[in-house]
N, C-alpha and C. Protein backbone atom coordinates (compact mmCIF):
# COMPACT_ATOMS: atom_id res chain seq x y z
N MET A 1 5.08 14.63 -23.96
CA MET A 1 5.39 13.22 -23.78
C MET A 1 4.94 12.77 -22.40
N GLN A 2 4.19 11.70 -22.31
CA GLN A 2 3.67 11.20 -21.06
C GLN A 2 4.73 10.37 -20.34
N THR A 3 4.85 10.62 -19.04
CA THR A 3 5.77 9.87 -18.22
C THR A 3 5.14 8.53 -17.88
N ALA A 4 5.92 7.46 -18.01
CA ALA A 4 5.41 6.12 -17.66
C ALA A 4 5.21 6.04 -16.15
N LEU A 5 4.22 5.29 -15.73
CA LEU A 5 3.96 5.06 -14.32
C LEU A 5 4.38 3.64 -13.97
N PRO A 6 4.76 3.42 -12.73
CA PRO A 6 5.14 2.07 -12.33
C PRO A 6 3.93 1.16 -12.21
N THR A 7 4.18 -0.13 -12.29
CA THR A 7 3.19 -1.12 -11.95
C THR A 7 3.23 -1.27 -10.44
N VAL A 8 2.08 -1.33 -9.80
CA VAL A 8 2.04 -1.50 -8.34
C VAL A 8 1.24 -2.75 -8.00
N GLN A 9 1.70 -3.47 -7.00
CA GLN A 9 0.97 -4.65 -6.56
C GLN A 9 1.14 -4.81 -5.06
N LEU A 10 0.20 -5.51 -4.45
CA LEU A 10 0.26 -5.80 -3.02
C LEU A 10 0.73 -7.23 -2.83
N LEU A 11 1.55 -7.40 -1.82
CA LEU A 11 1.99 -8.73 -1.42
C LEU A 11 1.59 -8.90 0.04
N LEU A 12 0.78 -9.91 0.31
CA LEU A 12 0.33 -10.19 1.66
C LEU A 12 -0.21 -11.60 1.72
N PRO A 13 -0.29 -12.17 2.92
CA PRO A 13 -0.86 -13.52 3.02
C PRO A 13 -2.35 -13.47 2.71
N SER A 14 -2.91 -14.59 2.31
CA SER A 14 -4.35 -14.65 2.07
C SER A 14 -5.12 -14.90 3.36
N GLU A 15 -4.40 -15.38 4.39
CA GLU A 15 -5.04 -15.66 5.68
C GLU A 15 -4.08 -15.33 6.81
N ALA A 16 -4.65 -14.88 7.93
CA ALA A 16 -3.87 -14.60 9.14
C ALA A 16 -4.70 -15.03 10.34
N ARG A 17 -4.03 -15.33 11.43
CA ARG A 17 -4.73 -15.66 12.67
C ARG A 17 -5.14 -14.37 13.37
N LEU A 18 -6.26 -14.40 14.02
CA LEU A 18 -6.77 -13.25 14.76
C LEU A 18 -5.72 -12.77 15.76
N GLY A 19 -5.40 -11.50 15.73
CA GLY A 19 -4.44 -10.92 16.66
C GLY A 19 -3.01 -10.86 16.15
N ASP A 20 -2.68 -11.60 15.09
CA ASP A 20 -1.32 -11.58 14.54
C ASP A 20 -1.10 -10.30 13.75
N THR A 21 0.11 -9.80 13.76
CA THR A 21 0.47 -8.67 12.92
C THR A 21 0.60 -9.16 11.49
N VAL A 22 0.08 -8.39 10.54
CA VAL A 22 0.09 -8.77 9.13
C VAL A 22 1.03 -7.84 8.36
N ALA A 23 2.04 -8.43 7.72
CA ALA A 23 2.95 -7.64 6.87
C ALA A 23 2.29 -7.44 5.51
N ILE A 24 2.19 -6.17 5.09
CA ILE A 24 1.59 -5.82 3.81
C ILE A 24 2.62 -5.02 3.03
N THR A 25 2.98 -5.52 1.86
CA THR A 25 4.02 -4.88 1.06
C THR A 25 3.43 -4.32 -0.21
N LEU A 26 3.77 -3.07 -0.50
CA LEU A 26 3.43 -2.44 -1.77
C LEU A 26 4.69 -2.50 -2.63
N ARG A 27 4.62 -3.19 -3.75
CA ARG A 27 5.77 -3.32 -4.65
C ARG A 27 5.54 -2.43 -5.87
N ILE A 28 6.51 -1.57 -6.16
CA ILE A 28 6.45 -0.78 -7.39
C ILE A 28 7.50 -1.34 -8.34
N ARG A 29 7.14 -1.43 -9.60
CA ARG A 29 8.02 -2.05 -10.58
C ARG A 29 7.99 -1.25 -11.88
N ASN A 30 9.15 -1.12 -12.47
CA ASN A 30 9.26 -0.46 -13.76
C ASN A 30 9.16 -1.52 -14.86
N ASP A 31 8.02 -1.59 -15.50
CA ASP A 31 7.82 -2.53 -16.60
C ASP A 31 8.07 -1.88 -17.96
N ASP A 32 8.56 -0.65 -17.95
CA ASP A 32 8.88 0.06 -19.18
C ASP A 32 10.28 -0.38 -19.65
N ARG A 33 10.59 -0.08 -20.90
CA ARG A 33 11.92 -0.42 -21.43
C ARG A 33 12.96 0.64 -21.12
N ARG A 34 12.51 1.75 -20.57
CA ARG A 34 13.42 2.85 -20.24
C ARG A 34 13.49 3.02 -18.72
N PRO A 35 14.59 3.60 -18.23
CA PRO A 35 14.65 3.91 -16.80
C PRO A 35 13.50 4.85 -16.42
N MET A 36 13.09 4.76 -15.18
CA MET A 36 11.96 5.55 -14.69
C MET A 36 12.41 6.34 -13.46
N LYS A 37 12.07 7.62 -13.43
CA LYS A 37 12.33 8.45 -12.26
C LYS A 37 10.99 8.88 -11.68
N LEU A 38 10.81 8.61 -10.40
CA LEU A 38 9.56 8.92 -9.73
C LEU A 38 9.79 9.94 -8.63
N GLU A 39 8.88 10.88 -8.50
CA GLU A 39 8.87 11.82 -7.38
C GLU A 39 7.77 11.35 -6.44
N LEU A 40 8.18 10.79 -5.31
CA LEU A 40 7.23 10.24 -4.34
C LEU A 40 7.25 11.11 -3.09
N PRO A 41 6.06 11.45 -2.56
CA PRO A 41 6.01 12.32 -1.38
C PRO A 41 6.47 11.61 -0.12
N GLY A 42 7.10 12.37 0.77
CA GLY A 42 7.44 11.88 2.10
C GLY A 42 8.78 11.18 2.19
N ARG A 43 9.27 11.14 3.40
CA ARG A 43 10.45 10.34 3.76
C ARG A 43 10.17 9.79 5.14
N PRO A 44 9.86 8.53 5.30
CA PRO A 44 9.80 7.52 4.26
C PRO A 44 8.63 7.77 3.31
N VAL A 45 8.64 7.04 2.21
CA VAL A 45 7.64 7.23 1.16
C VAL A 45 6.23 7.07 1.73
N ALA A 46 5.35 7.99 1.37
CA ALA A 46 3.99 8.05 1.91
C ALA A 46 3.02 7.21 1.09
N PHE A 47 3.27 5.91 1.03
CA PHE A 47 2.30 5.03 0.37
C PHE A 47 1.17 4.76 1.35
N ASP A 48 0.01 4.42 0.82
CA ASP A 48 -1.13 4.15 1.68
C ASP A 48 -1.59 2.72 1.49
N VAL A 49 -2.14 2.15 2.55
CA VAL A 49 -2.80 0.85 2.52
C VAL A 49 -4.18 1.08 3.12
N VAL A 50 -5.21 0.62 2.41
CA VAL A 50 -6.59 0.82 2.84
C VAL A 50 -7.22 -0.54 3.08
N ILE A 51 -7.74 -0.75 4.29
CA ILE A 51 -8.38 -2.02 4.65
C ILE A 51 -9.85 -1.74 4.88
N SER A 52 -10.69 -2.56 4.22
CA SER A 52 -12.15 -2.37 4.28
C SER A 52 -12.84 -3.69 4.59
N ARG A 53 -14.04 -3.55 5.11
CA ARG A 53 -14.91 -4.71 5.26
C ARG A 53 -15.52 -4.99 3.89
N PRO A 54 -15.94 -6.23 3.64
CA PRO A 54 -16.65 -6.49 2.39
C PRO A 54 -17.83 -5.53 2.28
N GLY A 55 -18.02 -4.96 1.12
CA GLY A 55 -19.07 -3.98 0.93
C GLY A 55 -18.54 -2.56 0.98
N GLY A 56 -17.26 -2.38 1.37
CA GLY A 56 -16.63 -1.09 1.22
C GLY A 56 -16.41 -0.21 2.42
N GLY A 57 -16.86 -0.58 3.61
CA GLY A 57 -16.65 0.30 4.77
C GLY A 57 -15.20 0.27 5.23
N GLU A 58 -14.49 1.38 5.03
CA GLU A 58 -13.08 1.44 5.44
C GLU A 58 -12.96 1.33 6.95
N ILE A 59 -11.98 0.51 7.40
CA ILE A 59 -11.75 0.39 8.83
C ILE A 59 -10.36 0.90 9.22
N TRP A 60 -9.40 0.92 8.27
CA TRP A 60 -8.04 1.34 8.60
C TRP A 60 -7.34 1.87 7.37
N ARG A 61 -6.62 2.97 7.54
CA ARG A 61 -5.75 3.53 6.50
C ARG A 61 -4.41 3.84 7.13
N ARG A 62 -3.36 3.46 6.47
CA ARG A 62 -2.02 3.72 6.99
C ARG A 62 -1.80 5.21 7.21
N LEU A 63 -2.27 6.04 6.30
CA LEU A 63 -2.01 7.47 6.38
C LEU A 63 -3.15 8.28 7.00
N ARG A 64 -4.12 7.63 7.61
CA ARG A 64 -5.30 8.35 8.13
C ARG A 64 -4.91 9.50 9.06
N ARG A 65 -4.07 9.23 10.02
CA ARG A 65 -3.74 10.27 10.99
C ARG A 65 -2.32 10.77 10.87
N GLY A 66 -1.57 10.20 9.97
CA GLY A 66 -0.18 10.61 9.84
C GLY A 66 -0.01 11.84 8.97
N LEU A 67 0.98 12.62 9.28
CA LEU A 67 1.32 13.76 8.45
C LEU A 67 2.32 13.31 7.40
N THR A 68 2.14 13.77 6.19
CA THR A 68 3.07 13.47 5.12
C THR A 68 3.96 14.68 4.90
N PRO A 69 5.27 14.53 5.16
CA PRO A 69 6.15 15.67 4.92
C PRO A 69 6.07 16.10 3.46
N SER A 70 6.23 17.38 3.24
CA SER A 70 6.15 17.88 1.87
C SER A 70 7.46 17.65 1.10
N ILE A 71 8.32 16.85 1.66
CA ILE A 71 9.58 16.49 1.01
C ILE A 71 9.28 15.46 -0.07
N LEU A 72 9.94 15.60 -1.21
CA LEU A 72 9.82 14.60 -2.26
C LEU A 72 11.04 13.70 -2.24
N MET A 73 10.79 12.41 -2.39
CA MET A 73 11.88 11.46 -2.52
C MET A 73 11.97 11.07 -3.99
N LEU A 74 13.14 11.18 -4.56
CA LEU A 74 13.34 10.78 -5.94
C LEU A 74 13.76 9.31 -5.96
N VAL A 75 13.01 8.52 -6.69
CA VAL A 75 13.30 7.09 -6.80
C VAL A 75 13.54 6.78 -8.27
N SER A 76 14.68 6.19 -8.55
CA SER A 76 15.01 5.77 -9.92
C SER A 76 14.88 4.27 -10.01
N LEU A 77 14.20 3.81 -11.05
CA LEU A 77 14.04 2.37 -11.28
C LEU A 77 14.53 2.04 -12.69
N ALA A 78 15.46 1.13 -12.77
CA ALA A 78 15.92 0.64 -14.07
C ALA A 78 14.83 -0.25 -14.66
N PRO A 79 14.85 -0.52 -15.95
CA PRO A 79 13.86 -1.43 -16.54
C PRO A 79 13.86 -2.77 -15.79
N GLY A 80 12.67 -3.20 -15.37
CA GLY A 80 12.53 -4.46 -14.65
C GLY A 80 12.81 -4.37 -13.16
N GLU A 81 13.31 -3.25 -12.69
CA GLU A 81 13.64 -3.11 -11.27
C GLU A 81 12.38 -2.86 -10.44
N ALA A 82 12.39 -3.37 -9.21
CA ALA A 82 11.26 -3.19 -8.30
C ALA A 82 11.77 -2.66 -6.96
N ARG A 83 10.87 -2.00 -6.25
CA ARG A 83 11.18 -1.50 -4.91
C ARG A 83 9.99 -1.83 -4.03
N ASP A 84 10.24 -2.31 -2.83
CA ASP A 84 9.18 -2.70 -1.90
C ASP A 84 9.08 -1.72 -0.73
N PHE A 85 7.83 -1.46 -0.31
CA PHE A 85 7.55 -0.66 0.88
C PHE A 85 6.58 -1.49 1.72
N THR A 86 6.91 -1.70 2.99
CA THR A 86 6.12 -2.60 3.83
C THR A 86 5.60 -1.89 5.07
N VAL A 87 4.37 -2.24 5.44
CA VAL A 87 3.76 -1.77 6.69
C VAL A 87 3.31 -3.01 7.46
N GLN A 88 3.38 -2.91 8.78
CA GLN A 88 2.90 -3.97 9.67
C GLN A 88 1.54 -3.55 10.22
N TRP A 89 0.49 -4.29 9.88
CA TRP A 89 -0.86 -3.96 10.37
C TRP A 89 -1.15 -4.81 11.60
N PRO A 90 -1.39 -4.20 12.76
CA PRO A 90 -1.63 -4.97 13.98
C PRO A 90 -3.09 -5.40 14.17
N GLN A 91 -3.85 -5.45 13.11
CA GLN A 91 -5.26 -5.87 13.14
C GLN A 91 -6.10 -5.01 14.07
N VAL A 92 -5.96 -3.70 13.90
CA VAL A 92 -6.80 -2.75 14.63
C VAL A 92 -7.46 -1.82 13.62
N ASP A 93 -8.56 -1.18 14.06
CA ASP A 93 -9.21 -0.19 13.20
C ASP A 93 -8.57 1.17 13.43
N ASP A 94 -9.09 2.20 12.79
CA ASP A 94 -8.53 3.54 12.93
C ASP A 94 -8.65 4.09 14.35
N GLY A 95 -9.54 3.53 15.15
CA GLY A 95 -9.68 3.95 16.54
C GLY A 95 -8.77 3.18 17.48
N GLY A 96 -8.01 2.23 16.94
CA GLY A 96 -7.11 1.43 17.76
C GLY A 96 -7.75 0.20 18.37
N LEU A 97 -9.00 -0.08 17.99
CA LEU A 97 -9.70 -1.24 18.54
C LEU A 97 -9.41 -2.48 17.69
N PRO A 98 -9.27 -3.65 18.32
CA PRO A 98 -9.02 -4.88 17.55
C PRO A 98 -10.18 -5.18 16.60
N VAL A 99 -9.85 -5.70 15.42
CA VAL A 99 -10.87 -6.09 14.47
C VAL A 99 -11.31 -7.52 14.75
N ALA A 100 -12.47 -7.89 14.22
CA ALA A 100 -13.02 -9.23 14.40
C ALA A 100 -12.51 -10.17 13.31
N ALA A 101 -12.63 -11.44 13.57
CA ALA A 101 -12.34 -12.43 12.53
C ALA A 101 -13.30 -12.20 11.37
N GLY A 102 -12.86 -12.54 10.16
CA GLY A 102 -13.72 -12.38 8.99
C GLY A 102 -12.92 -12.05 7.76
N ARG A 103 -13.61 -11.61 6.72
CA ARG A 103 -12.99 -11.28 5.43
C ARG A 103 -12.82 -9.76 5.32
N TYR A 104 -11.67 -9.36 4.79
CA TYR A 104 -11.37 -7.96 4.58
C TYR A 104 -10.78 -7.78 3.19
N THR A 105 -10.98 -6.62 2.61
CA THR A 105 -10.36 -6.30 1.34
C THR A 105 -9.29 -5.24 1.58
N ILE A 106 -8.19 -5.38 0.85
CA ILE A 106 -7.05 -4.50 1.04
C ILE A 106 -6.59 -4.00 -0.32
N ARG A 107 -6.28 -2.70 -0.39
CA ARG A 107 -5.70 -2.14 -1.61
C ARG A 107 -4.60 -1.18 -1.22
N GLY A 108 -3.66 -1.00 -2.12
CA GLY A 108 -2.56 -0.09 -1.90
C GLY A 108 -2.69 1.11 -2.81
N VAL A 109 -2.17 2.24 -2.35
CA VAL A 109 -2.21 3.49 -3.10
C VAL A 109 -0.82 4.12 -3.05
N LEU A 110 -0.29 4.44 -4.22
CA LEU A 110 1.01 5.10 -4.31
C LEU A 110 0.80 6.48 -4.90
N PRO A 111 0.95 7.54 -4.09
CA PRO A 111 0.87 8.89 -4.65
C PRO A 111 2.11 9.17 -5.51
N VAL A 112 1.90 9.69 -6.68
CA VAL A 112 3.00 10.10 -7.57
C VAL A 112 2.69 11.52 -8.04
N SER A 113 3.67 12.17 -8.65
CA SER A 113 3.46 13.56 -9.07
C SER A 113 2.29 13.71 -10.03
N ALA A 114 1.97 12.67 -10.79
CA ALA A 114 0.88 12.73 -11.77
C ALA A 114 -0.47 12.32 -11.17
N GLY A 115 -0.55 12.11 -9.86
CA GLY A 115 -1.80 11.67 -9.23
C GLY A 115 -1.54 10.52 -8.28
N GLU A 116 -2.14 9.38 -8.54
CA GLU A 116 -1.88 8.20 -7.72
C GLU A 116 -2.09 6.94 -8.55
N VAL A 117 -1.41 5.89 -8.13
CA VAL A 117 -1.55 4.59 -8.76
C VAL A 117 -2.09 3.65 -7.69
N THR A 118 -3.15 2.92 -8.02
CA THR A 118 -3.82 2.05 -7.06
C THR A 118 -3.67 0.59 -7.47
N THR A 119 -3.49 -0.28 -6.49
CA THR A 119 -3.39 -1.71 -6.76
C THR A 119 -4.78 -2.31 -6.92
N ALA A 120 -4.81 -3.53 -7.40
CA ALA A 120 -6.05 -4.31 -7.37
C ALA A 120 -6.35 -4.63 -5.90
N GLU A 121 -7.61 -4.92 -5.60
CA GLU A 121 -7.99 -5.31 -4.24
C GLU A 121 -7.61 -6.76 -4.00
N HIS A 122 -7.19 -7.03 -2.77
CA HIS A 122 -6.86 -8.39 -2.35
C HIS A 122 -7.72 -8.72 -1.14
N GLU A 123 -8.03 -10.00 -0.99
CA GLU A 123 -8.82 -10.42 0.16
C GLU A 123 -7.91 -11.03 1.21
N LEU A 124 -8.18 -10.68 2.46
CA LEU A 124 -7.48 -11.25 3.60
C LEU A 124 -8.54 -11.84 4.51
N VAL A 125 -8.36 -13.11 4.86
CA VAL A 125 -9.25 -13.78 5.81
C VAL A 125 -8.55 -13.81 7.16
N ILE A 126 -9.21 -13.27 8.17
CA ILE A 126 -8.68 -13.33 9.52
C ILE A 126 -9.44 -14.46 10.23
N ALA A 127 -8.69 -15.51 10.55
CA ALA A 127 -9.28 -16.70 11.15
C ALA A 127 -9.19 -16.62 12.68
N PRO A 128 -10.23 -17.11 13.36
CA PRO A 128 -10.21 -17.08 14.84
C PRO A 128 -9.10 -17.97 15.41
């Protein structure tokens, strides 16, 4: 019997001012009719956010340099229940340098025991 996977989506503004911190939320939701139990790595949960330039060049990953504890967190979701995980992106690349104004694509990744679940890509415009 296959275990149901949660629906994942990103919540973030479509535009931000250059230099402002951007809150990016990964929402997991149980759209199944049965309760769902998830084994998620890390404490806090080791979800990833990947920010790229148009065309695919990655500039920042939440988990790029972080260690993920081998601890599993058990998360139970009732039917229709959602849980949010948020990261604050200070508009820097993986080297800590500020990014330029422009368009960026963002996607979220949730590692689960069966692999990973990825969100659709979202566009963020950083205005000068």
